[in-house]
């Protein structure tokens, strides 16, 4: 699962509640700023939560983020 959230996209509070619930129940996850995530972080964690400083419509394409997600996925033909 990959969750990218912004400060003003309307999902920040719910995302933080979900992360807290996972952590309270001892479920491991990776959480960081989107600019700090490496292919290893993305490929080695089943639950990934990335905060971004971008606006909602820039999240997927502005920094080549979607390509990075595809390259680190388990898909055979990337």
PDB file of N, CA and C in Angstrom:
ATOM      1  N   UNK A   1       0.849  -1.170   0.000  1.00  0.00           N
ATOM      2  CA  UNK A   1       0.000   0.000   0.000  1.00  0.00           C
ATOM      3  C   UNK A   1       0.892   1.229   0.000  1.00  0.00           C
ATOM      4  N   UNK A   2       0.553   2.148  -0.831  1.00  0.00           N
ATOM      5  CA  UNK A   2       1.285   3.404  -0.909  1.00  0.00           C
ATOM      6  C   UNK A   2       0.300   4.544  -0.703  1.00  0.00           C
ATOM      7  N   UNK A   3       0.595   5.387   0.280  1.00  0.00           N
ATOM      8  CA  UNK A   3      -0.260   6.521   0.595  1.00  0.00           C
ATOM      9  C   UNK A   3       0.593   7.779   0.542  1.00  0.00           C
ATOM     10  N   UNK A   4       0.210   8.705  -0.321  1.00  0.00           N
ATOM     11  CA  UNK A   4       0.893   9.992  -0.407  1.00  0.00           C
ATOM     12  C   UNK A   4      -0.107  11.042   0.048  1.00  0.00           C
ATOM     13  N   UNK A   5       0.305  11.862   0.995  1.00  0.00           N
ATOM     14  CA  UNK A   5      -0.635  12.865   1.503  1.00  0.00           C
ATOM     15  C   UNK A   5       0.012  14.237   1.576  1.00  0.00           C
ATOM     16  N   UNK A   6      -0.852  15.232   1.437  1.00  0.00           N
ATOM     17  CA  UNK A   6      -0.426  16.631   1.450  1.00  0.00           C
ATOM     18  C   UNK A   6      -1.014  17.317   2.678  1.00  0.00           C
ATOM     19  N   UNK A   7      -0.558  18.503   2.946  1.00  0.00           N
ATOM     20  CA  UNK A   7      -1.079  19.253   4.089  1.00  0.00           C
ATOM     21  C   UNK A   7      -2.509  19.730   3.870  1.00  0.00           C
ATOM     22  N   UNK A   8      -2.866  19.973   2.607  1.00  0.00           N
ATOM     23  CA  UNK A   8      -4.159  20.593   2.338  1.00  0.00           C
ATOM     24  C   UNK A   8      -5.037  19.785   1.395  1.00  0.00           C
ATOM     25  N   UNK A   9      -4.768  18.500   1.234  1.00  0.00           N
ATOM     26  CA  UNK A   9      -5.554  17.679   0.324  1.00  0.00           C
ATOM     27  C   UNK A   9      -6.780  17.049   0.950  1.00  0.00           C
ATOM     28  N   UNK A  10      -6.949  17.224   2.247  1.00  0.00           N
ATOM     29  CA  UNK A  10      -8.115  16.695   2.906  1.00  0.00           C
ATOM     30  C   UNK A  10      -7.935  15.321   3.529  1.00  0.00           C
ATOM     31  N   UNK A  11      -6.757  14.719   3.371  1.00  0.00           N
ATOM     32  CA  UNK A  11      -6.546  13.366   3.912  1.00  0.00           C
ATOM     33  C   UNK A  11      -5.486  13.300   5.006  1.00  0.00           C
ATOM     34  N   UNK A  12      -4.852  14.400   5.313  1.00  0.00           N
ATOM     35  CA  UNK A  12      -3.738  14.391   6.268  1.00  0.00           C
ATOM     36  C   UNK A  12      -4.147  13.829   7.630  1.00  0.00           C
ATOM     37  N   UNK A  13      -5.224  14.318   8.198  1.00  0.00           N
ATOM     38  CA  UNK A  13      -5.649  13.858   9.526  1.00  0.00           C
ATOM     39  C   UNK A  13      -5.978  12.367   9.524  1.00  0.00           C
ATOM     40  N   UNK A  14      -6.711  11.915   8.511  1.00  0.00           N
ATOM     41  CA  UNK A  14      -7.081  10.498   8.441  1.00  0.00           C
ATOM     42  C   UNK A  14      -5.852   9.617   8.208  1.00  0.00           C
ATOM     43  N   UNK A  15      -4.923  10.091   7.396  1.00  0.00           N
ATOM     44  CA  UNK A  15      -3.697   9.338   7.157  1.00  0.00           C
ATOM     45  C   UNK A  15      -2.894   9.197   8.450  1.00  0.00           C
ATOM     46  N   UNK A  16      -2.776  10.272   9.198  1.00  0.00           N
ATOM     47  CA  UNK A  16      -2.033  10.222  10.454  1.00  0.00           C
ATOM     48  C   UNK A  16      -2.719   9.314  11.474  1.00  0.00           C
ATOM     49  N   UNK A  17      -4.050   9.286  11.476  1.00  0.00           N
ATOM     50  CA  UNK A  17      -4.784   8.364  12.358  1.00  0.00           C
ATOM     51  C   UNK A  17      -4.518   6.915  11.962  1.00  0.00           C
ATOM     52  N   UNK A  18      -4.513   6.647  10.669  1.00  0.00           N
ATOM     53  CA  UNK A  18      -4.260   5.292  10.179  1.00  0.00           C
ATOM     54  C   UNK A  18      -2.842   4.844  10.539  1.00  0.00           C
ATOM     55  N   UNK A  19      -1.854   5.714  10.341  1.00  0.00           N
ATOM     56  CA  UNK A  19      -0.480   5.369  10.711  1.00  0.00           C
ATOM     57  C   UNK A  19      -0.381   5.077  12.209  1.00  0.00           C
ATOM     58  N   UNK A  20      -1.012   5.898  13.023  1.00  0.00           N
ATOM     59  CA  UNK A  20      -0.986   5.706  14.477  1.00  0.00           C
ATOM     60  C   UNK A  20      -1.638   4.378  14.858  1.00  0.00           C
ATOM     61  N   UNK A  21      -2.727   4.021  14.201  1.00  0.00           N
ATOM     62  CA  UNK A  21      -3.400   2.753  14.495  1.00  0.00           C
ATOM     63  C   UNK A  21      -2.503   1.574  14.143  1.00  0.00           C
ATOM     64  N   UNK A  22      -1.846   1.630  12.988  1.00  0.00           N
ATOM     65  CA  UNK A  22      -0.903   0.569  12.629  1.00  0.00           C
ATOM     66  C   UNK A  22       0.200   0.453  13.672  1.00  0.00           C
ATOM     67  N   UNK A  23       0.788   1.584  14.037  1.00  0.00           N
ATOM     68  CA  UNK A  23       1.898   1.576  14.991  1.00  0.00           C
ATOM     69  C   UNK A  23       1.447   1.087  16.363  1.00  0.00           C
ATOM     70  N   UNK A  24       0.270   1.492  16.811  1.00  0.00           N
ATOM     71  CA  UNK A  24      -0.274   1.049  18.097  1.00  0.00           C
ATOM     72  C   UNK A  24      -0.434  -0.472  18.119  1.00  0.00           C
ATOM     73  N   UNK A  25      -0.768  -1.042  16.969  1.00  0.00           N
ATOM     74  CA  UNK A  25      -0.983  -2.480  16.871  1.00  0.00           C
ATOM     75  C   UNK A  25       0.272  -3.247  16.451  1.00  0.00           C
ATOM     76  N   UNK A  26       1.419  -2.569  16.458  1.00  0.00           N
ATOM     77  CA  UNK A  26       2.689  -3.224  16.169  1.00  0.00           C
ATOM     78  C   UNK A  26       2.900  -3.596  14.717  1.00  0.00           C
ATOM     79  N   UNK A  27       2.173  -2.947  13.836  1.00  0.00           N
ATOM     80  CA  UNK A  27       2.312  -3.219  12.407  1.00  0.00           C
ATOM     81  C   UNK A  27       3.356  -2.269  11.833  1.00  0.00           C
ATOM     82  N   UNK A  28       4.387  -2.829  11.239  1.00  0.00           N
ATOM     83  CA  UNK A  28       5.475  -2.025  10.694  1.00  0.00           C
ATOM     84  C   UNK A  28       5.076  -1.268   9.446  1.00  0.00           C
ATOM     85  N   UNK A  29       5.636  -0.086   9.304  1.00  0.00           N
ATOM     86  CA  UNK A  29       5.395   0.728   8.124  1.00  0.00           C
ATOM     87  C   UNK A  29       6.582   1.639   7.898  1.00  0.00           C
ATOM     88  N   UNK A  30       6.651   2.188   6.703  1.00  0.00           N
ATOM     89  CA  UNK A  30       7.651   3.195   6.382  1.00  0.00           C
ATOM     90  C   UNK A  30       6.933   4.515   6.201  1.00  0.00           C
ATOM     91  N   UNK A  31       7.400   5.541   6.887  1.00  0.00           N
ATOM     92  CA  UNK A  31       6.804   6.867   6.810  1.00  0.00           C
ATOM     93  C   UNK A  31       7.914   7.901   6.726  1.00  0.00           C
ATOM     94  N   UNK A  32       7.820   8.802   5.743  1.00  0.00           N
ATOM     95  CA  UNK A  32       8.844   9.831   5.586  1.00  0.00           C
ATOM     96  C   UNK A  32       8.340  10.884   4.602  1.00  0.00           C
ATOM     97  N   UNK A  33       9.156  11.869   4.366  1.00  0.00           N
ATOM     98  CA  UNK A  33       8.882  12.849   3.318  1.00  0.00           C
ATOM     99  C   UNK A  33       9.118  12.177   1.973  1.00  0.00           C
ATOM    100  N   UNK A  34       8.339  12.537   0.978  1.00  0.00           N
ATOM    101  CA  UNK A  34       8.480  11.900  -0.331  1.00  0.00           C
ATOM    102  C   UNK A  34       9.876  12.100  -0.922  1.00  0.00           C
ATOM    103  N   UNK A  35      10.515  13.195  -0.625  1.00  0.00           N
ATOM    104  CA  UNK A  35      11.847  13.471  -1.168  1.00  0.00           C
ATOM    105  C   UNK A  35      12.928  12.597  -0.540  1.00  0.00           C
ATOM    106  N   UNK A  36      12.645  11.967   0.585  1.00  0.00           N
ATOM    107  CA  UNK A  36      13.623  11.098   1.253  1.00  0.00           C
ATOM    108  C   UNK A  36      13.476   9.634   0.870  1.00  0.00           C
ATOM    109  N   UNK A  37      12.382   9.263   0.253  1.00  0.00           N
ATOM    110  CA  UNK A  37      12.116   7.859  -0.066  1.00  0.00           C
ATOM    111  C   UNK A  37      13.052   7.371  -1.168  1.00  0.00           C
ATOM    112  N   UNK A  38      13.658   6.228  -0.930  1.00  0.00           N
ATOM    113  CA  UNK A  38      14.536   5.606  -1.917  1.00  0.00           C
ATOM    114  C   UNK A  38      13.818   4.405  -2.531  1.00  0.00           C
ATOM    115  N   UNK A  39      14.294   3.902  -3.658  1.00  0.00           N
ATOM    116  CA  UNK A  39      13.698   2.687  -4.210  1.00  0.00           C
ATOM    117  C   UNK A  39      13.711   1.529  -3.203  1.00  0.00           C
ATOM    118  N   UNK A  40      14.742   1.461  -2.383  1.00  0.00           N
ATOM    119  CA  UNK A  40      14.818   0.407  -1.368  1.00  0.00           C
ATOM    120  C   UNK A  40      13.710   0.567  -0.327  1.00  0.00           C
ATOM    121  N   UNK A  41      13.478   1.805   0.120  1.00  0.00           N
ATOM    122  CA  UNK A  41      12.387   2.060   1.071  1.00  0.00           C
ATOM    123  C   UNK A  41      11.054   1.622   0.488  1.00  0.00           C
ATOM    124  N   UNK A  42      10.840   1.940  -0.767  1.00  0.00           N
ATOM    125  CA  UNK A  42       9.569   1.622  -1.417  1.00  0.00           C
ATOM    126  C   UNK A  42       9.431   0.131  -1.690  1.00  0.00           C
ATOM    127  N   UNK A  43      10.513  -0.508  -2.081  1.00  0.00           N
ATOM    128  CA  UNK A  43      10.453  -1.919  -2.442  1.00  0.00           C
ATOM    129  C   UNK A  43      10.471  -2.867  -1.261  1.00  0.00           C
ATOM    130  N   UNK A  44      10.992  -2.424  -0.126  1.00  0.00           N
ATOM    131  CA  UNK A  44      11.159  -3.310   1.025  1.00  0.00           C
ATOM    132  C   UNK A  44      10.081  -3.149   2.089  1.00  0.00           C
ATOM    133  N   UNK A  45       9.118  -2.297   1.859  1.00  0.00           N
ATOM    134  CA  UNK A  45       8.064  -2.054   2.846  1.00  0.00           C
ATOM    135  C   UNK A  45       6.699  -2.258   2.214  1.00  0.00           C
ATOM    136  N   UNK A  46       5.840  -2.968   2.924  1.00  0.00           N
ATOM    137  CA  UNK A  46       4.501  -3.232   2.400  1.00  0.00           C
ATOM    138  C   UNK A  46       3.550  -2.064   2.628  1.00  0.00           C
ATOM    139  N   UNK A  47       3.797  -1.282   3.668  1.00  0.00           N
ATOM    140  CA  UNK A  47       2.974  -0.108   3.976  1.00  0.00           C
ATOM    141  C   UNK A  47       3.867   1.126   3.908  1.00  0.00           C
ATOM    142  N   UNK A  48       3.584   2.005   2.971  1.00  0.00           N
ATOM    143  CA  UNK A  48       4.407   3.195   2.756  1.00  0.00           C
ATOM    144  C   UNK A  48       3.518   4.432   2.825  1.00  0.00           C
ATOM    145  N   UNK A  49       3.904   5.362   3.690  1.00  0.00           N
ATOM    146  CA  UNK A  49       3.190   6.626   3.849  1.00  0.00           C
ATOM    147  C   UNK A  49       4.179   7.756   3.577  1.00  0.00           C
ATOM    148  N   UNK A  50       3.897   8.553   2.575  1.00  0.00           N
ATOM    149  CA  UNK A  50       4.790   9.645   2.205  1.00  0.00           C
ATOM    150  C   UNK A  50       4.062  10.974   2.288  1.00  0.00           C
ATOM    151  N   UNK A  51       4.636  11.873   3.041  1.00  0.00           N
ATOM    152  CA  UNK A  51       4.129  13.244   3.103  1.00  0.00           C
ATOM    153  C   UNK A  51       4.838  14.043   2.023  1.00  0.00           C
ATOM    154  N   UNK A  52       4.110  14.926   1.380  1.00  0.00           N
ATOM    155  CA  UNK A  52       4.715  15.769   0.349  1.00  0.00           C
ATOM    156  C   UNK A  52       4.355  17.228   0.573  1.00  0.00           C
ATOM    157  N   UNK A  53       5.246  18.096   0.139  1.00  0.00           N
ATOM    158  CA  UNK A  53       4.987  19.529   0.226  1.00  0.00           C
ATOM    159  C   UNK A  53       4.326  20.059  -1.045  1.00  0.00           C
ATOM    160  N   UNK A  54       4.097  19.173  -2.008  1.00  0.00           N
ATOM    161  CA  UNK A  54       3.478  19.590  -3.258  1.00  0.00           C
ATOM    162  C   UNK A  54       1.959  19.718  -3.107  1.00  0.00           C
ATOM    163  N   UNK A  55       1.357  20.384  -4.064  1.00  0.00           N
ATOM    164  CA  UNK A  55      -0.101  20.434  -4.106  1.00  0.00           C
ATOM    165  C   UNK A  55      -0.604  19.142  -4.743  1.00  0.00           C
ATOM    166  N   UNK A  56      -1.837  18.806  -4.481  1.00  0.00           N
ATOM    167  CA  UNK A  56      -2.417  17.531  -4.882  1.00  0.00           C
ATOM    168  C   UNK A  56      -2.156  17.165  -6.348  1.00  0.00           C
ATOM    169  N   UNK A  57      -2.414  18.068  -7.264  1.00  0.00           N
ATOM    170  CA  UNK A  57      -2.307  17.753  -8.687  1.00  0.00           C
ATOM    171  C   UNK A  57      -0.878  17.571  -9.183  1.00  0.00           C
ATOM    172  N   UNK A  58       0.119  17.929  -8.389  1.00  0.00           N
ATOM    173  CA  UNK A  58       1.518  17.772  -8.796  1.00  0.00           C
ATOM    174  C   UNK A  58       2.148  16.481  -8.274  1.00  0.00           C
ATOM    175  N   UNK A  59       1.475  15.796  -7.390  1.00  0.00           N
ATOM    176  CA  UNK A  59       2.079  14.674  -6.665  1.00  0.00           C
ATOM    177  C   UNK A  59       2.636  13.592  -7.583  1.00  0.00           C
ATOM    178  N   UNK A  60       1.899  13.150  -8.551  1.00  0.00           N
ATOM    179  CA  UNK A  60       2.313  11.992  -9.342  1.00  0.00           C
ATOM    180  C   UNK A  60       3.409  12.319 -10.352  1.00  0.00           C
ATOM    181  N   UNK A  61       3.374  13.467 -10.988  1.00  0.00           N
ATOM    182  CA  UNK A  61       4.262  13.712 -12.114  1.00  0.00           C
ATOM    183  C   UNK A  61       5.397  14.703 -11.868  1.00  0.00           C
ATOM    184  N   UNK A  62       5.232  15.650 -10.989  1.00  0.00           N
ATOM    185  CA  UNK A  62       6.187  16.766 -10.906  1.00  0.00           C
ATOM    186  C   UNK A  62       7.625  16.314 -10.635  1.00  0.00           C
ATOM    187  N   UNK A  63       7.816  15.376  -9.743  1.00  0.00           N
ATOM    188  CA  UNK A  63       9.173  14.904  -9.408  1.00  0.00           C
ATOM    189  C   UNK A  63       9.466  13.518  -9.981  1.00  0.00           C
ATOM    190  N   UNK A  64       8.653  13.054 -10.904  1.00  0.00           N
ATOM    191  CA  UNK A  64       8.836  11.713 -11.455  1.00  0.00           C
ATOM    192  C   UNK A  64       8.482  10.625 -10.459  1.00  0.00           C
ATOM    193  N   UNK A  65       7.624  10.965  -9.512  1.00  0.00           N
ATOM    194  CA  UNK A  65       7.294  10.062  -8.421  1.00  0.00           C
ATOM    195  C   UNK A  65       6.629   8.783  -8.908  1.00  0.00           C
ATOM    196  N   UNK A  66       5.701   8.881  -9.845  1.00  0.00           N
ATOM    197  CA  UNK A  66       4.990   7.699 -10.305  1.00  0.00           C
ATOM    198  C   UNK A  66       5.955   6.703 -10.936  1.00  0.00           C
ATOM    199  N   UNK A  67       6.908   7.178 -11.706  1.00  0.00           N
ATOM    200  CA  UNK A  67       7.922   6.307 -12.300  1.00  0.00           C
ATOM    201  C   UNK A  67       8.749   5.607 -11.243  1.00  0.00           C
ATOM    202  N   UNK A  68       9.083   6.314 -10.192  1.00  0.00           N
ATOM    203  CA  UNK A  68       9.834   5.713  -9.092  1.00  0.00           C
ATOM    204  C   UNK A  68       9.018   4.601  -8.432  1.00  0.00           C
ATOM    205  N   UNK A  69       7.718   4.827  -8.272  1.00  0.00           N
ATOM    206  CA  UNK A  69       6.855   3.803  -7.683  1.00  0.00           C
ATOM    207  C   UNK A  69       6.802   2.572  -8.577  1.00  0.00           C
ATOM    208  N   UNK A  70       6.656   2.778  -9.869  1.00  0.00           N
ATOM    209  CA  UNK A  70       6.612   1.643 -10.789  1.00  0.00           C
ATOM    210  C   UNK A  70       7.916   0.863 -10.783  1.00  0.00           C
ATOM    211  N   UNK A  71       9.025   1.570 -10.791  1.00  0.00           N
ATOM    212  CA  UNK A  71      10.332   0.898 -10.788  1.00  0.00           C
ATOM    213  C   UNK A  71      10.594   0.094  -9.527  1.00  0.00           C
ATOM    214  N   UNK A  72      10.004   0.481  -8.437  1.00  0.00           N
ATOM    215  CA  UNK A  72      10.221  -0.238  -7.175  1.00  0.00           C
ATOM    216  C   UNK A  72       9.114  -1.251  -6.884  1.00  0.00           C
ATOM    217  N   UNK A  73       8.172  -1.381  -7.803  1.00  0.00           N
ATOM    218  CA  UNK A  73       7.034  -2.286  -7.592  1.00  0.00           C
ATOM    219  C   UNK A  73       7.418  -3.734  -7.877  1.00  0.00           C
ATOM    220  N   UNK A  74       6.500  -4.616  -7.596  1.00  0.00           N
ATOM    221  CA  UNK A  74       6.711  -6.036  -7.884  1.00  0.00           C
ATOM    222  C   UNK A  74       6.256  -6.412  -9.291  1.00  0.00           C
ATOM    223  N   UNK A  75       5.847  -5.434 -10.079  1.00  0.00           N
ATOM    224  CA  UNK A  75       5.415  -5.708 -11.439  1.00  0.00           C
ATOM    225  C   UNK A  75       6.569  -6.210 -12.284  1.00  0.00           C
ATOM    226  N   UNK A  76       6.315  -7.199 -13.136  1.00  0.00           N
ATOM    227  CA  UNK A  76       7.381  -7.753 -13.962  1.00  0.00           C
ATOM    228  C   UNK A  76       7.797  -6.821 -15.094  1.00  0.00           C
ATOM    229  N   UNK A  77       6.841  -6.291 -15.825  1.00  0.00           N
ATOM    230  CA  UNK A  77       7.148  -5.409 -16.961  1.00  0.00           C
ATOM    231  C   UNK A  77       6.986  -3.960 -16.509  1.00  0.00           C
ATOM    232  N   UNK A  78       8.087  -3.356 -16.124  1.00  0.00           N
ATOM    233  CA  UNK A  78       8.039  -1.999 -15.560  1.00  0.00           C
ATOM    234  C   UNK A  78       8.210  -0.979 -16.650  1.00  0.00           C
TER     235      UNK A  78
END
